[in-house]
N, C-alpha and C. Protein backbone atom coordinates (compact mmCIF):
# COMPACT_ATOMS: atom_id res chain seq x y z
N MET A 1 15.12 4.88 -26.40
CA MET A 1 13.66 4.97 -26.67
C MET A 1 13.14 5.92 -25.94
N ASN A 2 11.99 6.41 -26.15
CA ASN A 2 11.20 7.24 -25.40
C ASN A 2 10.06 6.65 -24.98
N ILE A 3 9.33 6.78 -23.89
CA ILE A 3 8.42 6.30 -23.27
C ILE A 3 7.62 7.25 -22.36
N LEU A 4 6.35 7.30 -22.50
CA LEU A 4 5.54 8.09 -21.65
C LEU A 4 4.58 7.51 -20.92
N VAL A 5 4.67 7.36 -19.62
CA VAL A 5 3.47 6.93 -18.70
C VAL A 5 2.84 7.96 -18.21
N LEU A 6 1.32 7.50 -18.54
CA LEU A 6 0.34 8.49 -18.21
C LEU A 6 -0.49 7.72 -17.00
N LEU A 7 -0.53 8.80 -15.80
CA LEU A 7 -1.32 7.73 -14.78
C LEU A 7 -2.61 8.77 -14.58
N ASN A 8 -3.80 7.56 -14.32
CA ASN A 8 -5.10 8.48 -13.94
C ASN A 8 -5.56 8.13 -12.44
N ASP A 9 -5.24 7.18 -11.95
CA ASP A 9 -5.90 6.67 -10.66
C ASP A 9 -5.35 7.46 -9.57
N PRO A 10 -6.12 7.32 -8.19
CA PRO A 10 -5.62 8.01 -7.30
C PRO A 10 -4.18 7.44 -6.62
N PRO A 11 -3.57 8.07 -5.85
CA PRO A 11 -2.23 7.54 -5.33
C PRO A 11 -2.59 6.26 -4.53
N TYR A 12 -3.77 6.09 -3.52
CA TYR A 12 -3.86 5.04 -2.98
C TYR A 12 -5.32 4.69 -3.16
N GLY A 13 -5.63 3.25 -2.62
CA GLY A 13 -7.07 2.93 -2.89
C GLY A 13 -7.06 1.78 -3.98
N THR A 14 -6.09 1.92 -5.23
CA THR A 14 -6.02 1.08 -6.01
C THR A 14 -4.39 0.96 -6.18
N GLU A 15 -4.23 0.06 -6.98
CA GLU A 15 -2.69 -0.18 -7.43
C GLU A 15 -2.22 0.25 -8.63
N ARG A 16 -2.99 1.11 -9.38
CA ARG A 16 -2.44 1.25 -10.54
C ARG A 16 -1.50 2.41 -10.84
N SER A 17 -1.62 3.32 -10.02
CA SER A 17 -0.54 4.39 -9.79
C SER A 17 0.76 3.73 -9.28
N TYR A 18 0.58 2.88 -8.28
CA TYR A 18 1.70 2.20 -7.75
C TYR A 18 2.49 1.41 -8.96
N ASN A 19 1.86 0.49 -9.67
CA ASN A 19 2.31 -0.19 -10.72
C ASN A 19 3.06 0.88 -11.81
N GLY A 20 2.22 1.76 -12.18
CA GLY A 20 2.76 2.58 -13.28
C GLY A 20 3.97 3.37 -12.69
N LEU A 21 4.14 3.71 -11.42
CA LEU A 21 5.35 4.56 -10.93
C LEU A 21 6.41 3.21 -10.72
N ARG A 22 6.10 2.14 -10.48
CA ARG A 22 7.22 0.87 -10.48
C ARG A 22 7.71 0.66 -12.07
N LEU A 23 7.04 0.58 -12.79
CA LEU A 23 7.39 0.73 -14.38
C LEU A 23 8.35 1.72 -14.60
N ALA A 24 7.75 2.88 -14.33
CA ALA A 24 8.33 4.00 -14.92
C ALA A 24 9.87 4.21 -13.98
N GLY A 25 9.80 3.86 -12.75
CA GLY A 25 11.24 3.71 -11.98
C GLY A 25 12.18 2.88 -12.65
N SER A 26 11.77 1.50 -13.11
CA SER A 26 12.69 0.68 -13.61
C SER A 26 12.99 1.06 -15.08
N LEU A 27 12.19 1.65 -15.70
CA LEU A 27 12.45 2.21 -17.33
C LEU A 27 13.40 3.16 -16.92
N ALA A 28 13.26 3.91 -16.15
CA ALA A 28 14.29 5.19 -15.99
C ALA A 28 15.59 4.91 -15.70
N LYS A 29 15.89 3.66 -15.03
CA LYS A 29 16.96 3.15 -14.82
C LYS A 29 17.68 2.45 -15.79
N ARG A 30 17.18 2.16 -17.05
CA ARG A 30 17.68 1.84 -18.11
C ARG A 30 18.48 2.47 -19.12
N ASP A 31 19.62 2.10 -19.61
CA ASP A 31 20.44 2.84 -20.59
C ASP A 31 19.76 2.99 -21.89
N GLY A 32 19.59 4.30 -22.25
CA GLY A 32 18.94 4.62 -23.66
C GLY A 32 17.59 4.67 -23.61
N VAL A 33 16.88 4.97 -22.26
CA VAL A 33 15.59 4.95 -22.17
C VAL A 33 15.29 6.45 -21.59
N GLU A 34 14.36 7.05 -22.31
CA GLU A 34 14.08 8.42 -21.73
C GLU A 34 12.53 8.11 -21.05
N VAL A 35 12.33 8.59 -19.99
CA VAL A 35 10.91 8.60 -19.26
C VAL A 35 10.14 9.86 -18.93
N LYS A 36 8.96 9.96 -19.53
CA LYS A 36 8.35 11.03 -19.03
C LYS A 36 6.99 10.50 -18.10
N VAL A 37 6.17 11.10 -17.38
CA VAL A 37 5.37 10.62 -16.38
C VAL A 37 4.67 11.90 -16.32
N PHE A 38 3.05 11.80 -16.85
CA PHE A 38 2.08 12.73 -16.92
C PHE A 38 0.91 12.24 -15.81
N LEU A 39 0.58 13.02 -14.93
CA LEU A 39 -0.40 12.79 -13.67
C LEU A 39 -1.67 13.62 -14.40
N PHE A 40 -2.84 12.65 -14.60
CA PHE A 40 -4.16 13.23 -14.61
C PHE A 40 -4.97 13.01 -13.70
N GLY A 41 -6.04 13.55 -13.37
CA GLY A 41 -7.09 13.38 -12.47
C GLY A 41 -6.65 13.39 -10.78
N ASP A 42 -7.15 12.33 -10.43
CA ASP A 42 -6.69 12.04 -8.84
C ASP A 42 -5.14 11.59 -8.69
N ALA A 43 -4.58 11.05 -10.05
CA ALA A 43 -3.18 10.96 -10.00
C ALA A 43 -2.27 11.94 -9.44
N VAL A 44 -2.79 13.33 -9.77
CA VAL A 44 -1.75 14.47 -9.20
C VAL A 44 -1.40 14.32 -7.59
N GLY A 45 -2.28 13.63 -7.20
CA GLY A 45 -2.21 13.38 -5.46
C GLY A 45 -0.89 12.49 -5.22
N CYS A 46 -0.61 11.74 -6.31
CA CYS A 46 0.83 10.92 -6.27
C CYS A 46 1.90 11.98 -6.11
N ALA A 47 2.09 13.19 -6.73
CA ALA A 47 3.09 14.04 -6.64
C ALA A 47 3.06 14.92 -5.46
N MET A 48 2.22 14.82 -4.37
CA MET A 48 2.13 15.45 -3.12
C MET A 48 3.31 14.99 -2.21
N ALA A 49 4.17 16.22 -1.76
CA ALA A 49 5.40 16.11 -1.05
C ALA A 49 5.14 15.45 0.46
N ASN A 50 5.92 14.68 0.93
CA ASN A 50 5.87 14.61 2.34
C ASN A 50 4.64 13.54 2.89
N GLN A 51 4.18 12.89 2.06
CA GLN A 51 3.09 11.98 2.24
C GLN A 51 3.40 11.29 3.70
N LYS A 52 2.25 11.35 4.55
CA LYS A 52 2.48 10.69 5.92
C LYS A 52 1.64 9.46 5.47
N LEU A 53 2.05 8.16 5.74
CA LEU A 53 1.33 6.74 6.00
C LEU A 53 1.89 5.90 6.70
N PRO A 54 1.09 4.90 6.81
CA PRO A 54 1.13 3.86 8.08
C PRO A 54 2.41 3.20 7.59
N ASP A 55 3.10 2.74 8.64
CA ASP A 55 4.14 1.90 8.19
C ASP A 55 3.66 0.57 7.45
N GLY A 56 4.52 0.03 6.30
CA GLY A 56 4.19 -0.92 5.52
C GLY A 56 3.55 -0.22 4.09
N TYR A 57 3.04 0.74 4.35
CA TYR A 57 2.70 1.39 2.86
C TYR A 57 3.52 1.85 1.63
N TYR A 58 3.39 1.82 0.46
CA TYR A 58 4.34 2.36 -0.45
C TYR A 58 4.10 4.09 -0.40
N HIS A 59 5.21 4.56 -0.74
CA HIS A 59 5.32 6.15 -0.63
C HIS A 59 5.43 6.53 -2.41
N LEU A 60 4.32 6.92 -2.79
CA LEU A 60 4.22 7.23 -4.22
C LEU A 60 5.42 8.66 -4.44
N ASP A 61 5.32 9.37 -3.63
CA ASP A 61 5.87 10.48 -3.68
C ASP A 61 7.51 10.36 -3.86
N ARG A 62 7.81 9.42 -2.98
CA ARG A 62 9.42 8.72 -2.74
C ARG A 62 9.65 7.97 -4.32
N MET A 63 8.60 7.18 -4.74
CA MET A 63 8.74 6.53 -6.00
C MET A 63 8.79 7.78 -7.22
N LEU A 64 7.95 8.79 -7.20
CA LEU A 64 8.38 9.83 -8.20
C LEU A 64 9.79 10.59 -8.29
N SER A 65 10.00 10.59 -6.96
CA SER A 65 11.56 11.21 -6.75
C SER A 65 12.43 10.48 -7.22
N SER A 66 12.26 8.96 -7.16
CA SER A 66 13.25 8.43 -7.98
C SER A 66 13.39 8.40 -9.45
N VAL A 67 12.24 8.37 -10.02
CA VAL A 67 11.89 8.59 -11.37
C VAL A 67 12.79 9.69 -11.89
N ILE A 68 12.61 10.97 -11.00
CA ILE A 68 13.11 12.19 -11.39
C ILE A 68 14.78 12.08 -11.03
N ARG A 69 15.25 11.46 -10.07
CA ARG A 69 16.71 11.53 -10.08
C ARG A 69 17.29 10.35 -10.85
N HIS A 70 16.51 9.75 -11.69
CA HIS A 70 17.34 8.72 -12.76
C HIS A 70 17.02 9.46 -14.52
N GLY A 71 16.55 10.74 -14.24
CA GLY A 71 16.53 11.67 -15.34
C GLY A 71 14.96 11.75 -16.11
N GLY A 72 14.06 11.17 -15.32
CA GLY A 72 12.81 11.32 -15.81
C GLY A 72 12.41 12.51 -15.56
N GLU A 73 11.11 12.96 -16.27
CA GLU A 73 10.29 14.09 -15.88
C GLU A 73 8.88 13.84 -15.51
N VAL A 74 8.19 14.76 -14.70
CA VAL A 74 6.99 14.54 -14.31
C VAL A 74 6.37 15.92 -14.31
N GLY A 75 5.15 15.51 -14.92
CA GLY A 75 4.40 16.98 -15.10
C GLY A 75 2.64 16.50 -14.46
N CYS A 76 2.21 17.37 -14.01
CA CYS A 76 0.85 17.39 -13.44
C CYS A 76 -0.05 18.36 -14.14
N CYS A 77 -1.10 17.57 -14.43
CA CYS A 77 -2.42 18.31 -15.02
C CYS A 77 -2.66 19.69 -14.07
N GLY A 78 -2.54 20.89 -14.76
CA GLY A 78 -2.65 21.88 -14.02
C GLY A 78 -4.03 22.16 -13.75
N THR A 79 -5.14 21.68 -14.59
CA THR A 79 -6.41 21.76 -14.53
C THR A 79 -6.90 20.68 -13.32
N CYS A 80 -6.33 19.54 -13.48
CA CYS A 80 -6.59 18.68 -12.38
C CYS A 80 -6.00 18.99 -10.75
N MET A 81 -5.05 19.79 -11.02
CA MET A 81 -4.42 20.22 -9.69
C MET A 81 -5.58 21.44 -9.29
N ASP A 82 -6.11 22.19 -9.91
CA ASP A 82 -6.78 23.10 -9.67
C ASP A 82 -8.06 22.68 -8.92
N ALA A 83 -8.73 21.65 -9.75
CA ALA A 83 -9.95 21.00 -9.13
C ALA A 83 -9.93 20.43 -7.94
N ARG A 84 -8.52 19.98 -7.28
CA ARG A 84 -8.35 19.18 -6.09
C ARG A 84 -7.53 20.47 -5.19
N ALA A 85 -7.38 21.56 -5.48
CA ALA A 85 -6.58 22.73 -4.94
C ALA A 85 -5.34 22.12 -4.52
N LEU A 86 -4.76 21.81 -5.01
CA LEU A 86 -3.02 21.27 -4.92
C LEU A 86 -2.27 22.47 -5.74
N GLY A 87 -1.53 23.24 -4.88
CA GLY A 87 -0.60 24.02 -5.60
C GLY A 87 0.60 23.40 -5.91
N GLU A 88 1.41 24.17 -6.57
CA GLU A 88 2.59 23.68 -7.08
C GLU A 88 3.76 23.57 -6.06
N ALA A 89 3.80 24.41 -5.04
CA ALA A 89 4.27 24.52 -3.92
C ALA A 89 4.53 23.00 -3.04
N GLY A 90 3.38 22.39 -3.14
CA GLY A 90 3.13 21.11 -2.39
C GLY A 90 3.72 19.80 -3.15
N LEU A 91 4.14 20.08 -4.47
CA LEU A 91 4.67 19.01 -5.06
C LEU A 91 6.05 18.57 -4.86
N VAL A 92 6.20 17.37 -4.97
CA VAL A 92 8.03 16.84 -4.67
C VAL A 92 8.84 17.48 -5.74
N GLY A 93 10.06 17.80 -4.94
CA GLY A 93 10.89 18.36 -6.04
C GLY A 93 11.05 17.80 -7.47
N GLY A 94 11.16 18.55 -8.39
CA GLY A 94 11.30 18.09 -9.78
C GLY A 94 10.11 18.00 -10.49
N ALA A 95 8.57 17.35 -9.98
CA ALA A 95 7.63 17.54 -10.35
C ALA A 95 7.15 18.90 -10.71
N ARG A 96 6.37 19.17 -11.59
CA ARG A 96 5.94 20.39 -11.89
C ARG A 96 4.37 20.41 -12.62
N ARG A 97 3.62 21.67 -12.37
CA ARG A 97 2.29 21.76 -13.01
C ARG A 97 2.60 21.87 -14.47
N SER A 98 1.62 21.11 -15.25
CA SER A 98 1.99 21.05 -16.63
C SER A 98 0.69 21.34 -17.38
N THR A 99 0.29 21.30 -18.56
CA THR A 99 -0.54 21.53 -19.52
C THR A 99 -1.04 20.49 -20.27
N LEU A 100 -2.04 20.35 -21.21
CA LEU A 100 -2.71 19.64 -22.00
C LEU A 100 -1.73 19.50 -23.14
N GLU A 101 -1.28 20.66 -23.39
CA GLU A 101 -0.48 20.90 -24.61
C GLU A 101 1.29 20.29 -24.43
N GLU A 102 1.50 20.33 -23.32
CA GLU A 102 2.41 19.58 -23.00
C GLU A 102 2.57 18.11 -23.07
N VAL A 103 1.56 17.61 -22.85
CA VAL A 103 1.38 16.21 -22.73
C VAL A 103 1.02 15.60 -24.14
N THR A 104 0.77 16.75 -24.79
CA THR A 104 0.45 16.28 -26.21
C THR A 104 1.75 16.20 -26.99
N ASP A 105 2.61 17.23 -26.47
CA ASP A 105 3.95 17.32 -27.27
C ASP A 105 4.70 16.04 -26.98
N TRP A 106 4.43 15.60 -25.40
CA TRP A 106 5.17 14.33 -24.93
C TRP A 106 4.42 13.03 -25.74
N THR A 107 3.20 13.06 -25.89
CA THR A 107 2.81 11.81 -26.70
C THR A 107 3.36 11.90 -27.95
N LEU A 108 3.50 13.08 -28.62
CA LEU A 108 4.10 12.78 -30.20
C LEU A 108 5.59 12.41 -30.23
N TRP A 109 6.17 12.91 -28.82
CA TRP A 109 7.82 12.39 -29.01
C TRP A 109 7.88 11.03 -28.52
N ALA A 110 6.95 10.50 -27.85
CA ALA A 110 7.13 9.23 -27.36
C ALA A 110 7.18 7.81 -28.55
N ASP A 111 7.75 6.94 -28.13
CA ASP A 111 7.98 5.72 -28.93
C ASP A 111 6.86 4.84 -28.42
N LYS A 112 6.61 4.85 -27.34
CA LYS A 112 5.34 4.08 -26.67
C LYS A 112 4.79 4.98 -25.51
N VAL A 113 3.68 4.52 -25.39
CA VAL A 113 2.71 5.23 -24.41
C VAL A 113 2.16 4.19 -23.57
N VAL A 114 2.34 4.17 -22.16
CA VAL A 114 1.60 3.10 -21.44
C VAL A 114 0.81 3.84 -20.66
N SER A 115 -0.54 3.56 -20.29
CA SER A 115 -1.60 4.24 -19.47
C SER A 115 -2.03 3.24 -18.44
N PHE A 116 -1.78 3.97 -17.30
CA PHE A 116 -2.57 3.31 -15.94
C PHE A 116 -3.94 3.94 -15.50
């Protein structure tokens, strides 16, 4: 089964991106499941490497890295990155700048699309 997870919310301040990445991570560990995660808007901040957070906070960069380690793909909206002055060099390993065309292809590839 092919599943696309779309994230729109900022990495911190709400729990939508956190819950979306929890689901993506769990799905990526399942046999026979392929997962792709696309980050729109403020969600591109989830892919910033080496996040510094107070003790007790979840680390979305590490959660994304786990999805990638388990075979998932992570695309970040290039337009959204530009609007936030986020360069590709600042992304976690395996996450990459992407396009609307690619997420369109991923949507057609997916058996299910989940949006947070």
